[in-house]
């Protein structure tokens, strides 16, 4: 009887000790995971701030006044001598010609677009 008593005490102590050690191990894993999550959140915040800044720069660059400054002196309305007017009949005859049928399909789609 005395032997059974000691064996049950040793078994109970080892079970509780193993449980305590496993709880400590789980807490350490949770702490490490929480630290990694914190680092990832910090990185996400930095990327979000950078993205916000880049979107602001993009919207600034796409303003008509800024675009006009970029092309000032380089982009002008073409002269009347460089303008070509094509009638609808000429476009239809072009689309039915052999030139348009061969390998210029991308131009055909462009000309058909309205």
Protein backbone atom coordinates (compact mmCIF):
# COMPACT_ATOMS: atom_id res chain seq x y z
CA UNK A 1 0.00 0.00 0.00
CA UNK A 2 2.79 2.36 0.85
CA UNK A 3 4.37 1.75 -2.55
CA UNK A 4 1.11 2.53 -4.40
CA UNK A 5 0.75 5.73 -2.41
CA UNK A 6 4.23 6.95 -3.38
CA UNK A 7 3.72 5.99 -7.01
CA UNK A 8 0.46 7.95 -7.18
CA UNK A 9 2.14 11.00 -5.58
CA UNK A 10 5.05 10.83 -8.04
CA UNK A 11 2.63 10.42 -10.94
CA UNK A 12 0.50 13.39 -9.81
CA UNK A 13 3.56 15.62 -9.28
CA UNK A 14 4.99 14.69 -12.70
CA UNK A 15 1.63 15.36 -14.39
CA UNK A 16 1.25 18.75 -12.72
CA UNK A 17 4.92 19.59 -13.39
CA UNK A 18 4.56 18.64 -17.06
CA UNK A 19 1.40 20.69 -17.29
CA UNK A 20 3.12 23.70 -15.69
CA UNK A 21 6.09 23.41 -18.02
CA UNK A 22 3.79 23.15 -21.05
CA UNK A 23 1.85 26.23 -19.90
CA UNK A 24 5.11 28.21 -19.56
CA UNK A 25 6.22 27.01 -23.01
CA UNK A 26 2.86 28.05 -24.53
CA UNK A 27 3.14 31.49 -22.93
CA UNK A 28 6.63 31.93 -24.36
CA UNK A 29 5.39 30.93 -27.83
CA UNK A 30 2.46 33.34 -27.54
CA UNK A 31 4.85 36.11 -26.48
CA UNK A 32 7.16 35.44 -29.44
CA UNK A 33 4.21 35.39 -31.85
CA UNK A 34 2.86 38.64 -30.39
CA UNK A 35 6.28 40.26 -30.85
CA UNK A 36 6.38 39.13 -34.50
CA UNK A 37 2.85 40.49 -35.01
CA UNK A 38 3.90 43.82 -33.52
CA UNK A 39 6.87 44.03 -35.89
CA UNK A 40 4.63 43.19 -38.86
CA UNK A 41 2.11 45.84 -37.79
CA UNK A 42 4.91 48.41 -37.59
CA UNK A 43 6.07 47.46 -41.09
CA UNK A 44 2.49 47.63 -42.37
CA UNK A 45 2.10 51.11 -40.90
CA UNK A 46 5.31 52.26 -42.57
CA UNK A 47 4.20 50.85 -45.92
CA UNK A 48 0.74 52.41 -45.50
CA UNK A 49 2.32 55.82 -44.78
CA UNK A 50 4.60 55.49 -47.79
CA UNK A 51 1.68 54.44 -49.99
CA UNK A 52 -0.36 57.41 -48.79
CA UNK A 53 2.56 59.73 -49.56
CA UNK A 54 3.00 58.23 -53.05
CA UNK A 55 -0.71 58.57 -53.78
CA UNK A 56 -0.49 62.21 -52.75
CA UNK A 57 2.47 62.74 -55.06
CA UNK A 58 0.60 61.03 -57.90
CA UNK A 59 -2.48 63.19 -57.43
CA UNK A 60 -0.28 66.28 -57.33
CA UNK A 61 1.53 65.27 -60.51
CA UNK A 62 -1.72 64.58 -62.35
CA UNK A 63 -3.19 68.02 -61.74
CA UNK A 64 -3.79 69.85 -65.01
CA UNK A 65 -1.67 72.82 -63.95
CA UNK A 66 1.33 70.61 -63.13
CA UNK A 67 0.93 68.64 -66.36
CA UNK A 68 0.80 71.91 -68.30
CA UNK A 69 4.10 72.96 -66.70
CA UNK A 70 5.73 69.67 -67.74
CA UNK A 71 4.78 70.00 -71.40
CA UNK A 72 5.18 73.76 -71.68
CA UNK A 73 7.00 74.55 -74.91
CA UNK A 74 6.97 70.93 -76.11
CA UNK A 75 3.32 70.13 -76.67
CA UNK A 76 1.43 72.43 -79.00
CA UNK A 77 -1.56 72.26 -81.27
CA UNK A 78 -0.45 71.11 -84.73
CA UNK A 79 -0.50 73.57 -87.59
CA UNK A 80 -3.29 73.41 -90.14
CA UNK A 81 -0.82 72.26 -92.80
CA UNK A 82 -0.06 69.13 -90.75
CA UNK A 83 -3.71 68.21 -90.20
CA UNK A 84 -5.20 65.50 -92.40
CA UNK A 85 -8.96 65.11 -92.75
CA UNK A 86 -10.36 61.72 -93.78
CA UNK A 87 -13.94 61.12 -94.77
CA UNK A 88 -15.98 58.17 -93.63
CA UNK A 89 -16.03 56.81 -97.18
CA UNK A 90 -12.21 56.80 -97.30
CA UNK A 91 -12.02 54.92 -94.00
CA UNK A 92 -14.48 52.30 -95.22
CA UNK A 93 -12.55 51.81 -98.47
CA UNK A 94 -9.33 51.46 -96.46
CA UNK A 95 -10.85 48.85 -94.17
CA UNK A 96 -11.97 46.82 -97.15
CA UNK A 97 -8.58 47.02 -98.89
CA UNK A 98 -5.91 44.30 -98.82
CA UNK A 99 -3.60 46.41 -96.66
CA UNK A 100 -6.08 46.48 -93.79
CA UNK A 101 -6.83 42.77 -94.09
CA UNK A 102 -3.28 41.43 -93.90
CA UNK A 103 -1.51 41.97 -90.58
CA UNK A 104 -2.75 45.39 -89.56
CA UNK A 105 -5.69 44.18 -87.49
CA UNK A 106 -4.78 46.34 -84.51
CA UNK A 107 -5.13 49.47 -86.67
CA UNK A 108 -8.45 48.24 -87.96
CA UNK A 109 -9.77 47.95 -84.42
CA UNK A 110 -8.45 51.41 -83.67
CA UNK A 111 -10.15 52.92 -86.70
CA UNK A 112 -13.45 51.20 -85.95
CA UNK A 113 -13.57 52.53 -82.41
CA UNK A 114 -15.90 55.49 -81.89
